[in-house]
Amino acid sequence: MVAPYRHTADLQDLTDEEAMELFDIIKKGLGLLKEVMKPSGFNIGLNVGKVAGAGIAEHIHTHIVPRWQGDTNFMPVLSDTKVTSEALSGTYKRLRAKL
């Protein structure tokens, strides 16, 4: 998840400088995840507003979700789905080592 320093609920409220910094960090995050986790692709998304699914509606943020060929939806809801999981602490250690 990538969030700007200044709390704002709307992408359009970001200054040009804040928007560029947000996008730059997203790009760097993609590079880091590619190197460490070697995904086949990504889902990158913004949920703006509570009705759009924003869990933290008062602070805009971007989700970067690595995806692999043959994986399931990033929020599996069906039984018998196969998901490769890793403890968050393990993922943190692997990403932190590359920063």
PDB file of N, CA and C in Angstrom:
ATOM      1  N   MET A   1       0.850  -1.162   0.000  1.00  0.00           N
ATOM      2  CA  MET A   1       0.000   0.000   0.000  1.00  0.00           C
ATOM      3  C   MET A   1       0.902   1.233   0.000  1.00  0.00           C
ATOM      4  N   VAL A   2       0.553   2.190  -0.824  1.00  0.00           N
ATOM      5  CA  VAL A   2       1.299   3.444  -0.924  1.00  0.00           C
ATOM      6  C   VAL A   2       0.330   4.590  -0.639  1.00  0.00           C
ATOM      7  N   ALA A   3       0.720   5.470   0.282  1.00  0.00           N
ATOM      8  CA  ALA A   3      -0.137   6.600   0.648  1.00  0.00           C
ATOM      9  C   ALA A   3       0.697   7.870   0.710  1.00  0.00           C
ATOM     10  N   PRO A   4       0.127   8.992   0.306  1.00  0.00           N
ATOM     11  CA  PRO A   4       0.856  10.266   0.437  1.00  0.00           C
ATOM     12  C   PRO A   4       0.956  10.659   1.910  1.00  0.00           C
ATOM     13  N   TYR A   5       1.924  11.513   2.215  1.00  0.00           N
ATOM     14  CA  TYR A   5       2.092  11.974   3.592  1.00  0.00           C
ATOM     15  C   TYR A   5       0.883  12.771   4.068  1.00  0.00           C
ATOM     16  N   ARG A   6       0.397  13.666   3.201  1.00  0.00           N
ATOM     17  CA  ARG A   6      -0.729  14.532   3.589  1.00  0.00           C
ATOM     18  C   ARG A   6      -2.033  13.756   3.482  1.00  0.00           C
ATOM     19  N   HIS A   7      -2.828  13.840   4.519  1.00  0.00           N
ATOM     20  CA  HIS A   7      -4.126  13.161   4.519  1.00  0.00           C
ATOM     21  C   HIS A   7      -5.093  13.911   3.608  1.00  0.00           C
ATOM     22  N   THR A   8      -5.613  13.193   2.623  1.00  0.00           N
ATOM     23  CA  THR A   8      -6.656  13.727   1.748  1.00  0.00           C
ATOM     24  C   THR A   8      -7.496  12.553   1.263  1.00  0.00           C
ATOM     25  N   ALA A   9      -8.767  12.801   1.067  1.00  0.00           N
ATOM     26  CA  ALA A   9      -9.674  11.736   0.665  1.00  0.00           C
ATOM     27  C   ALA A   9      -9.802  11.605  -0.849  1.00  0.00           C
ATOM     28  N   ASP A  10      -9.288  12.566  -1.602  1.00  0.00           N
ATOM     29  CA  ASP A  10      -9.536  12.588  -3.041  1.00  0.00           C
ATOM     30  C   ASP A  10      -8.235  12.767  -3.813  1.00  0.00           C
ATOM     31  N   LEU A  11      -8.048  11.972  -4.820  1.00  0.00           N
ATOM     32  CA  LEU A  11      -6.861  12.047  -5.671  1.00  0.00           C
ATOM     33  C   LEU A  11      -6.705  13.438  -6.268  1.00  0.00           C
ATOM     34  N   GLN A  12      -7.785  14.082  -6.604  1.00  0.00           N
ATOM     35  CA  GLN A  12      -7.738  15.404  -7.219  1.00  0.00           C
ATOM     36  C   GLN A  12      -7.272  16.492  -6.248  1.00  0.00           C
ATOM     37  N   ASP A  13      -7.275  16.197  -4.963  1.00  0.00           N
ATOM     38  CA  ASP A  13      -6.808  17.166  -3.973  1.00  0.00           C
ATOM     39  C   ASP A  13      -5.285  17.178  -3.842  1.00  0.00           C
ATOM     40  N   LEU A  14      -4.615  16.173  -4.407  1.00  0.00           N
ATOM     41  CA  LEU A  14      -3.153  16.143  -4.340  1.00  0.00           C
ATOM     42  C   LEU A  14      -2.567  17.238  -5.220  1.00  0.00           C
ATOM     43  N   THR A  15      -1.501  17.852  -4.746  1.00  0.00           N
ATOM     44  CA  THR A  15      -0.782  18.795  -5.598  1.00  0.00           C
ATOM     45  C   THR A  15      -0.074  18.000  -6.692  1.00  0.00           C
ATOM     46  N   ASP A  16       0.376  18.675  -7.730  1.00  0.00           N
ATOM     47  CA  ASP A  16       1.115  17.981  -8.787  1.00  0.00           C
ATOM     48  C   ASP A  16       2.353  17.294  -8.210  1.00  0.00           C
ATOM     49  N   GLU A  17       3.037  17.966  -7.292  1.00  0.00           N
ATOM     50  CA  GLU A  17       4.235  17.395  -6.669  1.00  0.00           C
ATOM     51  C   GLU A  17       3.891  16.137  -5.864  1.00  0.00           C
ATOM     52  N   GLU A  18       2.791  16.184  -5.106  1.00  0.00           N
ATOM     53  CA  GLU A  18       2.372  15.020  -4.319  1.00  0.00           C
ATOM     54  C   GLU A  18       1.971  13.864  -5.223  1.00  0.00           C
ATOM     55  N   ALA A  19       1.270  14.166  -6.313  1.00  0.00           N
ATOM     56  CA  ALA A  19       0.851  13.125  -7.249  1.00  0.00           C
ATOM     57  C   ALA A  19       2.064  12.468  -7.919  1.00  0.00           C
ATOM     58  N   MET A  20       3.040  13.267  -8.298  1.00  0.00           N
ATOM     59  CA  MET A  20       4.256  12.727  -8.910  1.00  0.00           C
ATOM     60  C   MET A  20       5.030  11.868  -7.914  1.00  0.00           C
ATOM     61  N   GLU A  21       5.097  12.318  -6.661  1.00  0.00           N
ATOM     62  CA  GLU A  21       5.799  11.528  -5.642  1.00  0.00           C
ATOM     63  C   GLU A  21       5.077  10.196  -5.406  1.00  0.00           C
ATOM     64  N   LEU A  22       3.746  10.226  -5.344  1.00  0.00           N
ATOM     65  CA  LEU A  22       2.959   9.008  -5.170  1.00  0.00           C
ATOM     66  C   LEU A  22       3.234   8.033  -6.308  1.00  0.00           C
ATOM     67  N   PHE A  23       3.195   8.526  -7.544  1.00  0.00           N
ATOM     68  CA  PHE A  23       3.421   7.665  -8.701  1.00  0.00           C
ATOM     69  C   PHE A  23       4.858   7.150  -8.723  1.00  0.00           C
ATOM     70  N   ASP A  24       5.813   7.988  -8.332  1.00  0.00           N
ATOM     71  CA  ASP A  24       7.217   7.570  -8.292  1.00  0.00           C
ATOM     72  C   ASP A  24       7.416   6.441  -7.284  1.00  0.00           C
ATOM     73  N   ILE A  25       6.785   6.536  -6.132  1.00  0.00           N
ATOM     74  CA  ILE A  25       6.909   5.480  -5.119  1.00  0.00           C
ATOM     75  C   ILE A  25       6.219   4.201  -5.596  1.00  0.00           C
ATOM     76  N   ILE A  26       5.099   4.338  -6.306  1.00  0.00           N
ATOM     77  CA  ILE A  26       4.444   3.165  -6.879  1.00  0.00           C
ATOM     78  C   ILE A  26       5.390   2.478  -7.864  1.00  0.00           C
ATOM     79  N   LYS A  27       6.041   3.249  -8.722  1.00  0.00           N
ATOM     80  CA  LYS A  27       7.000   2.687  -9.678  1.00  0.00           C
ATOM     81  C   LYS A  27       8.151   1.985  -8.961  1.00  0.00           C
ATOM     82  N   LYS A  28       8.674   2.596  -7.921  1.00  0.00           N
ATOM     83  CA  LYS A  28       9.764   1.974  -7.158  1.00  0.00           C
ATOM     84  C   LYS A  28       9.288   0.700  -6.472  1.00  0.00           C
ATOM     85  N   GLY A  29       8.072   0.733  -5.948  1.00  0.00           N
ATOM     86  CA  GLY A  29       7.502  -0.459  -5.321  1.00  0.00           C
ATOM     87  C   GLY A  29       7.364  -1.603  -6.308  1.00  0.00           C
ATOM     88  N   LEU A  30       6.928  -1.280  -7.523  1.00  0.00           N
ATOM     89  CA  LEU A  30       6.818  -2.312  -8.565  1.00  0.00           C
ATOM     90  C   LEU A  30       8.180  -2.937  -8.849  1.00  0.00           C
ATOM     91  N   GLY A  31       9.200  -2.094  -8.960  1.00  0.00           N
ATOM     92  CA  GLY A  31      10.539  -2.606  -9.224  1.00  0.00           C
ATOM     93  C   GLY A  31      11.027  -3.517  -8.110  1.00  0.00           C
ATOM     94  N   LEU A  32      10.788  -3.109  -6.874  1.00  0.00           N
ATOM     95  CA  LEU A  32      11.195  -3.909  -5.726  1.00  0.00           C
ATOM     96  C   LEU A  32      10.460  -5.248  -5.703  1.00  0.00           C
ATOM     97  N   LEU A  33       9.148  -5.198  -5.898  1.00  0.00           N
ATOM     98  CA  LEU A  33       8.366  -6.437  -5.897  1.00  0.00           C
ATOM     99  C   LEU A  33       8.759  -7.360  -7.046  1.00  0.00           C
ATOM    100  N   LYS A  34       9.037  -6.789  -8.221  1.00  0.00           N
ATOM    101  CA  LYS A  34       9.485  -7.604  -9.356  1.00  0.00           C
ATOM    102  C   LYS A  34      10.777  -8.338  -9.015  1.00  0.00           C
ATOM    103  N   GLU A  35      11.717  -7.617  -8.413  1.00  0.00           N
ATOM    104  CA  GLU A  35      13.016  -8.198  -8.095  1.00  0.00           C
ATOM    105  C   GLU A  35      12.921  -9.282  -7.020  1.00  0.00           C
ATOM    106  N   VAL A  36      12.153  -9.005  -5.967  1.00  0.00           N
ATOM    107  CA  VAL A  36      12.109  -9.906  -4.821  1.00  0.00           C
ATOM    108  C   VAL A  36      11.120 -11.050  -5.001  1.00  0.00           C
ATOM    109  N   MET A  37       9.933 -10.738  -5.525  1.00  0.00           N
ATOM    110  CA  MET A  37       8.867 -11.743  -5.566  1.00  0.00           C
ATOM    111  C   MET A  37       8.655 -12.369  -6.938  1.00  0.00           C
ATOM    112  N   LYS A  38       9.176 -11.749  -7.974  1.00  0.00           N
ATOM    113  CA  LYS A  38       9.108 -12.255  -9.344  1.00  0.00           C
ATOM    114  C   LYS A  38       7.679 -12.621  -9.802  1.00  0.00           C
ATOM    115  N   PRO A  39       6.727 -11.677  -9.646  1.00  0.00           N
ATOM    116  CA  PRO A  39       5.358 -11.961 -10.090  1.00  0.00           C
ATOM    117  C   PRO A  39       5.236 -11.901 -11.613  1.00  0.00           C
ATOM    118  N   SER A  40       4.148 -12.440 -12.124  1.00  0.00           N
ATOM    119  CA  SER A  40       3.849 -12.398 -13.560  1.00  0.00           C
ATOM    120  C   SER A  40       3.182 -11.085 -13.955  1.00  0.00           C
ATOM    121  N   GLY A  41       2.593 -10.397 -12.994  1.00  0.00           N
ATOM    122  CA  GLY A  41       1.900  -9.139 -13.253  1.00  0.00           C
ATOM    123  C   GLY A  41       1.458  -8.512 -11.940  1.00  0.00           C
ATOM    124  N   PHE A  42       0.667  -7.457 -12.041  1.00  0.00           N
ATOM    125  CA  PHE A  42       0.208  -6.728 -10.863  1.00  0.00           C
ATOM    126  C   PHE A  42      -1.226  -6.249 -11.047  1.00  0.00           C
ATOM    127  N   ASN A  43      -1.937  -6.131  -9.941  1.00  0.00           N
ATOM    128  CA  ASN A  43      -3.142  -5.314  -9.867  1.00  0.00           C
ATOM    129  C   ASN A  43      -2.736  -4.079  -9.075  1.00  0.00           C
ATOM    130  N   ILE A  44      -3.006  -2.910  -9.630  1.00  0.00           N
ATOM    131  CA  ILE A  44      -2.701  -1.654  -8.956  1.00  0.00           C
ATOM    132  C   ILE A  44      -4.006  -0.867  -8.914  1.00  0.00           C
ATOM    133  N   GLY A  45      -4.428  -0.468  -7.722  1.00  0.00           N
ATOM    134  CA  GLY A  45      -5.729   0.180  -7.661  1.00  0.00           C
ATOM    135  C   GLY A  45      -5.899   1.198  -6.573  1.00  0.00           C
ATOM    136  N   LEU A  46      -6.828   2.099  -6.828  1.00  0.00           N
ATOM    137  CA  LEU A  46      -7.262   3.127  -5.887  1.00  0.00           C
ATOM    138  C   LEU A  46      -8.764   2.962  -5.679  1.00  0.00           C
ATOM    139  N   ASN A  47      -9.195   2.952  -4.443  1.00  0.00           N
ATOM    140  CA  ASN A  47     -10.615   2.988  -4.131  1.00  0.00           C
ATOM    141  C   ASN A  47     -10.891   4.360  -3.527  1.00  0.00           C
ATOM    142  N   VAL A  48     -11.583   5.214  -4.256  1.00  0.00           N
ATOM    143  CA  VAL A  48     -11.822   6.584  -3.801  1.00  0.00           C
ATOM    144  C   VAL A  48     -13.261   6.675  -3.287  1.00  0.00           C
ATOM    145  N   GLY A  49     -13.408   6.849  -1.987  1.00  0.00           N
ATOM    146  CA  GLY A  49     -14.719   6.956  -1.364  1.00  0.00           C
ATOM    147  C   GLY A  49     -15.182   5.639  -0.769  1.00  0.00           C
ATOM    148  N   LYS A  50     -15.939   5.738   0.290  1.00  0.00           N
ATOM    149  CA  LYS A  50     -16.423   4.561   1.014  1.00  0.00           C
ATOM    150  C   LYS A  50     -17.239   3.623   0.120  1.00  0.00           C
ATOM    151  N   VAL A  51     -18.117   4.164  -0.714  1.00  0.00           N
ATOM    152  CA  VAL A  51     -18.949   3.299  -1.559  1.00  0.00           C
ATOM    153  C   VAL A  51     -18.121   2.581  -2.635  1.00  0.00           C
ATOM    154  N   ALA A  52     -16.920   3.077  -2.892  1.00  0.00           N
ATOM    155  CA  ALA A  52     -16.033   2.428  -3.868  1.00  0.00           C
ATOM    156  C   ALA A  52     -15.166   1.358  -3.209  1.00  0.00           C
ATOM    157  N   GLY A  53     -15.319   1.188  -1.903  1.00  0.00           N
ATOM    158  CA  GLY A  53     -14.576   0.153  -1.210  1.00  0.00           C
ATOM    159  C   GLY A  53     -13.380   0.640  -0.421  1.00  0.00           C
ATOM    160  N   ALA A  54     -13.215   1.950  -0.314  1.00  0.00           N
ATOM    161  CA  ALA A  54     -12.077   2.479   0.442  1.00  0.00           C
ATOM    162  C   ALA A  54     -12.250   2.156   1.926  1.00  0.00           C
ATOM    163  N   GLY A  55     -11.357   1.327   2.447  1.00  0.00           N
ATOM    164  CA  GLY A  55     -11.405   0.978   3.864  1.00  0.00           C
ATOM    165  C   GLY A  55     -10.963   2.141   4.738  1.00  0.00           C
ATOM    166  N   ILE A  56     -10.102   2.990   4.189  1.00  0.00           N
ATOM    167  CA  ILE A  56      -9.659   4.208   4.878  1.00  0.00           C
ATOM    168  C   ILE A  56     -10.075   5.372   3.973  1.00  0.00           C
ATOM    169  N   ALA A  57     -11.338   5.689   3.986  1.00  0.00           N
ATOM    170  CA  ALA A  57     -11.901   6.646   3.022  1.00  0.00           C
ATOM    171  C   ALA A  57     -11.317   8.046   3.149  1.00  0.00           C
ATOM    172  N   GLU A  58     -10.840   8.406   4.331  1.00  0.00           N
ATOM    173  CA  GLU A  58     -10.336   9.773   4.522  1.00  0.00           C
ATOM    174  C   GLU A  58      -8.869   9.944   4.129  1.00  0.00           C
ATOM    175  N   HIS A  59      -8.213   8.882   3.669  1.00  0.00           N
ATOM    176  CA  HIS A  59      -6.808   8.994   3.255  1.00  0.00           C
ATOM    177  C   HIS A  59      -6.593   8.159   1.989  1.00  0.00           C
ATOM    178  N   ILE A  60      -6.417   8.839   0.860  1.00  0.00           N
ATOM    179  CA  ILE A  60      -6.211   8.159  -0.419  1.00  0.00           C
ATOM    180  C   ILE A  60      -4.986   7.242  -0.299  1.00  0.00           C
ATOM    181  N   HIS A  61      -5.070   6.066  -0.879  1.00  0.00           N
ATOM    182  CA  HIS A  61      -3.940   5.144  -0.888  1.00  0.00           C
ATOM    183  C   HIS A  61      -4.069   4.224  -2.094  1.00  0.00           C
ATOM    184  N   THR A  62      -2.947   3.673  -2.514  1.00  0.00           N
ATOM    185  CA  THR A  62      -2.881   2.811  -3.685  1.00  0.00           C
ATOM    186  C   THR A  62      -2.447   1.422  -3.251  1.00  0.00           C
ATOM    187  N   HIS A  63      -3.158   0.410  -3.735  1.00  0.00           N
ATOM    188  CA  HIS A  63      -2.795  -0.975  -3.463  1.00  0.00           C
ATOM    189  C   HIS A  63      -1.959  -1.500  -4.621  1.00  0.00           C
ATOM    190  N   ILE A  64      -0.874  -2.192  -4.308  1.00  0.00           N
ATOM    191  CA  ILE A  64      -0.073  -2.888  -5.317  1.00  0.00           C
ATOM    192  C   ILE A  64      -0.128  -4.366  -4.950  1.00  0.00           C
ATOM    193  N   VAL A  65      -0.754  -5.170  -5.800  1.00  0.00           N
ATOM    194  CA  VAL A  65      -0.931  -6.590  -5.510  1.00  0.00           C
ATOM    195  C   VAL A  65      -0.202  -7.408  -6.564  1.00  0.00           C
ATOM    196  N   PRO A  66       0.882  -8.103  -6.177  1.00  0.00           N
ATOM    197  CA  PRO A  66       1.568  -8.957  -7.145  1.00  0.00           C
ATOM    198  C   PRO A  66       0.694 -10.146  -7.516  1.00  0.00           C
ATOM    199  N   ARG A  67       0.770 -10.553  -8.784  1.00  0.00           N
ATOM    200  CA  ARG A  67      -0.038 -11.675  -9.279  1.00  0.00           C
ATOM    201  C   ARG A  67       0.849 -12.656 -10.031  1.00  0.00           C
ATOM    202  N   TRP A  68       0.471 -13.928  -9.983  1.00  0.00           N
ATOM    203  CA  TRP A  68       1.206 -14.974 -10.679  1.00  0.00           C
ATOM    204  C   TRP A  68       0.259 -15.750 -11.585  1.00  0.00           C
ATOM    205  N   GLN A  69       0.785 -16.258 -12.676  1.00  0.00           N
ATOM    206  CA  GLN A  69      -0.007 -17.076 -13.602  1.00  0.00           C
ATOM    207  C   GLN A  69      -0.652 -18.217 -12.823  1.00  0.00           C
ATOM    208  N   GLY A  70      -1.956 -18.349 -12.954  1.00  0.00           N
ATOM    209  CA  GLY A  70      -2.679 -19.436 -12.305  1.00  0.00           C
ATOM    210  C   GLY A  70      -3.118 -19.149 -10.884  1.00  0.00           C
ATOM    211  N   ASP A  71      -2.802 -17.956 -10.348  1.00  0.00           N
ATOM    212  CA  ASP A  71      -3.260 -17.676  -8.989  1.00  0.00           C
ATOM    213  C   ASP A  71      -4.754 -17.376  -9.010  1.00  0.00           C
ATOM    214  N   THR A  72      -5.310 -17.202  -7.836  1.00  0.00           N
ATOM    215  CA  THR A  72      -6.735 -16.914  -7.723  1.00  0.00           C
ATOM    216  C   THR A  72      -6.920 -15.414  -7.572  1.00  0.00           C
ATOM    217  N   ASN A  73      -8.170 -14.995  -7.540  1.00  0.00           N
ATOM    218  CA  ASN A  73      -8.463 -13.598  -7.269  1.00  0.00           C
ATOM    219  C   ASN A  73      -7.765 -13.205  -5.976  1.00  0.00           C
ATOM    220  N   PHE A  74      -7.346 -11.969  -5.861  1.00  0.00           N
ATOM    221  CA  PHE A  74      -6.530 -11.576  -4.704  1.00  0.00           C
ATOM    222  C   PHE A  74      -7.290 -11.642  -3.391  1.00  0.00           C
ATOM    223  N   MET A  75      -8.593 -11.739  -3.424  1.00  0.00           N
ATOM    224  CA  MET A  75      -9.406 -11.934  -2.225  1.00  0.00           C
ATOM    225  C   MET A  75     -10.285 -13.159  -2.445  1.00  0.00           C
ATOM    226  N   PRO A  76      -9.698 -14.371  -2.381  1.00  0.00           N
ATOM    227  CA  PRO A  76     -10.466 -15.568  -2.723  1.00  0.00           C
ATOM    228  C   PRO A  76     -11.657 -15.773  -1.795  1.00  0.00           C
ATOM    229  N   VAL A  77     -12.777 -16.129  -2.393  1.00  0.00           N
ATOM    230  CA  VAL A  77     -13.989 -16.354  -1.623  1.00  0.00           C
ATOM    231  C   VAL A  77     -14.574 -17.739  -1.868  1.00  0.00           C
ATOM    232  N   LEU A  78     -14.015 -18.488  -2.805  1.00  0.00           N
ATOM    233  CA  LEU A  78     -14.534 -19.813  -3.120  1.00  0.00           C
ATOM    234  C   LEU A  78     -13.757 -20.887  -2.368  1.00  0.00           C
ATOM    235  N   SER A  79     -14.436 -21.973  -2.041  1.00  0.00           N
ATOM    236  CA  SER A  79     -13.723 -23.069  -1.381  1.00  0.00           C
ATOM    237  C   SER A  79     -12.824 -23.768  -2.393  1.00  0.00           C
ATOM    238  N   ASP A  80     -11.885 -24.524  -1.886  1.00  0.00           N
ATOM    239  CA  ASP A  80     -10.939 -25.285  -2.695  1.00  0.00           C
ATOM    240  C   ASP A  80     -10.064 -24.424  -3.589  1.00  0.00           C
ATOM    241  N   THR A  81      -9.845 -23.165  -3.211  1.00  0.00           N
ATOM    242  CA  THR A  81      -8.913 -22.331  -3.970  1.00  0.00           C
ATOM    243  C   THR A  81      -7.510 -22.590  -3.455  1.00  0.00           C
ATOM    244  N   LYS A  82      -6.543 -22.474  -4.337  1.00  0.00           N
ATOM    245  CA  LYS A  82      -5.150 -22.692  -3.967  1.00  0.00           C
ATOM    246  C   LYS A  82      -4.438 -21.350  -3.985  1.00  0.00           C
ATOM    247  N   VAL A  83      -3.951 -20.967  -2.847  1.00  0.00           N
ATOM    248  CA  VAL A  83      -3.277 -19.686  -2.709  1.00  0.00           C
ATOM    249  C   VAL A  83      -1.901 -19.932  -2.099  1.00  0.00           C
ATOM    250  N   THR A  84      -0.888 -19.370  -2.720  1.00  0.00           N
ATOM    251  CA  THR A  84       0.438 -19.437  -2.133  1.00  0.00           C
ATOM    252  C   THR A  84       0.537 -18.311  -1.123  1.00  0.00           C
ATOM    253  N   SER A  85       0.779 -18.656   0.115  1.00  0.00           N
ATOM    254  CA  SER A  85       0.824 -17.613   1.137  1.00  0.00           C
ATOM    255  C   SER A  85       2.200 -17.567   1.785  1.00  0.00           C
ATOM    256  N   GLU A  86       2.453 -16.436   2.373  1.00  0.00           N
ATOM    257  CA  GLU A  86       3.700 -16.214   3.085  1.00  0.00           C
ATOM    258  C   GLU A  86       3.373 -15.295   4.245  1.00  0.00           C
ATOM    259  N   ALA A  87       3.964 -15.544   5.385  1.00  0.00           N
ATOM    260  CA  ALA A  87       3.735 -14.675   6.538  1.00  0.00           C
ATOM    261  C   ALA A  87       4.172 -13.256   6.187  1.00  0.00           C
ATOM    262  N   LEU A  88       3.401 -12.268   6.604  1.00  0.00           N
ATOM    263  CA  LEU A  88       3.725 -10.874   6.320  1.00  0.00           C
ATOM    264  C   LEU A  88       5.122 -10.521   6.823  1.00  0.00           C
ATOM    265  N   SER A  89       5.503 -11.071   7.955  1.00  0.00           N
ATOM    266  CA  SER A  89       6.841 -10.784   8.489  1.00  0.00           C
ATOM    267  C   SER A  89       7.934 -11.299   7.555  1.00  0.00           C
ATOM    268  N   GLY A  90       7.707 -12.435   6.910  1.00  0.00           N
ATOM    269  CA  GLY A  90       8.672 -12.969   5.945  1.00  0.00           C
ATOM    270  C   GLY A  90       8.779 -12.103   4.709  1.00  0.00           C
ATOM    271  N   THR A  91       7.636 -11.651   4.201  1.00  0.00           N
ATOM    272  CA  THR A  91       7.635 -10.754   3.039  1.00  0.00           C
ATOM    273  C   THR A  91       8.339  -9.451   3.387  1.00  0.00           C
ATOM    274  N   TYR A  92       8.045  -8.915   4.572  1.00  0.00           N
ATOM    275  CA  TYR A  92       8.690  -7.678   5.024  1.00  0.00           C
ATOM    276  C   TYR A  92      10.209  -7.839   5.037  1.00  0.00           C
ATOM    277  N   LYS A  93      10.693  -8.924   5.596  1.00  0.00           N
ATOM    278  CA  LYS A  93      12.137  -9.154   5.690  1.00  0.00           C
ATOM    279  C   LYS A  93      12.780  -9.211   4.302  1.00  0.00           C
ATOM    280  N   ARG A  94      12.120  -9.899   3.364  1.00  0.00           N
ATOM    281  CA  ARG A  94      12.672 -10.020   2.011  1.00  0.00           C
ATOM    282  C   ARG A  94      12.702  -8.670   1.298  1.00  0.00           C
ATOM    283  N   LEU A  95      11.633  -7.887   1.432  1.00  0.00           N
ATOM    284  CA  LEU A  95      11.581  -6.571   0.780  1.00  0.00           C
ATOM    285  C   LEU A  95      12.521  -5.598   1.467  1.00  0.00           C
ATOM    286  N   ARG A  96      12.557  -5.597   2.778  1.00  0.00           N
ATOM    287  CA  ARG A  96      13.408  -4.682   3.541  1.00  0.00           C
ATOM    288  C   ARG A  96      14.889  -4.892   3.198  1.00  0.00           C
ATOM    289  N   ALA A  97      15.275  -6.141   2.994  1.00  0.00           N
ATOM    290  CA  ALA A  97      16.672  -6.453   2.681  1.00  0.00           C
ATOM    291  C   ALA A  97      17.104  -5.810   1.367  1.00  0.00           C
ATOM    292  N   LYS A  98      16.177  -5.577   0.447  1.00  0.00           N
ATOM    293  CA  LYS A  98      16.496  -4.993  -0.860  1.00  0.00           C
ATOM    294  C   LYS A  98      16.430  -3.472  -0.863  1.00  0.00           C
ATOM    295  N   LEU A  99      15.841  -2.877   0.166  1.00  0.00           N
ATOM    296  CA  LEU A  99      15.712  -1.408   0.201  1.00  0.00           C
ATOM    297  C   LEU A  99      16.997  -0.712   0.536  1.00  0.00           C
TER     298      LEU A  99
END
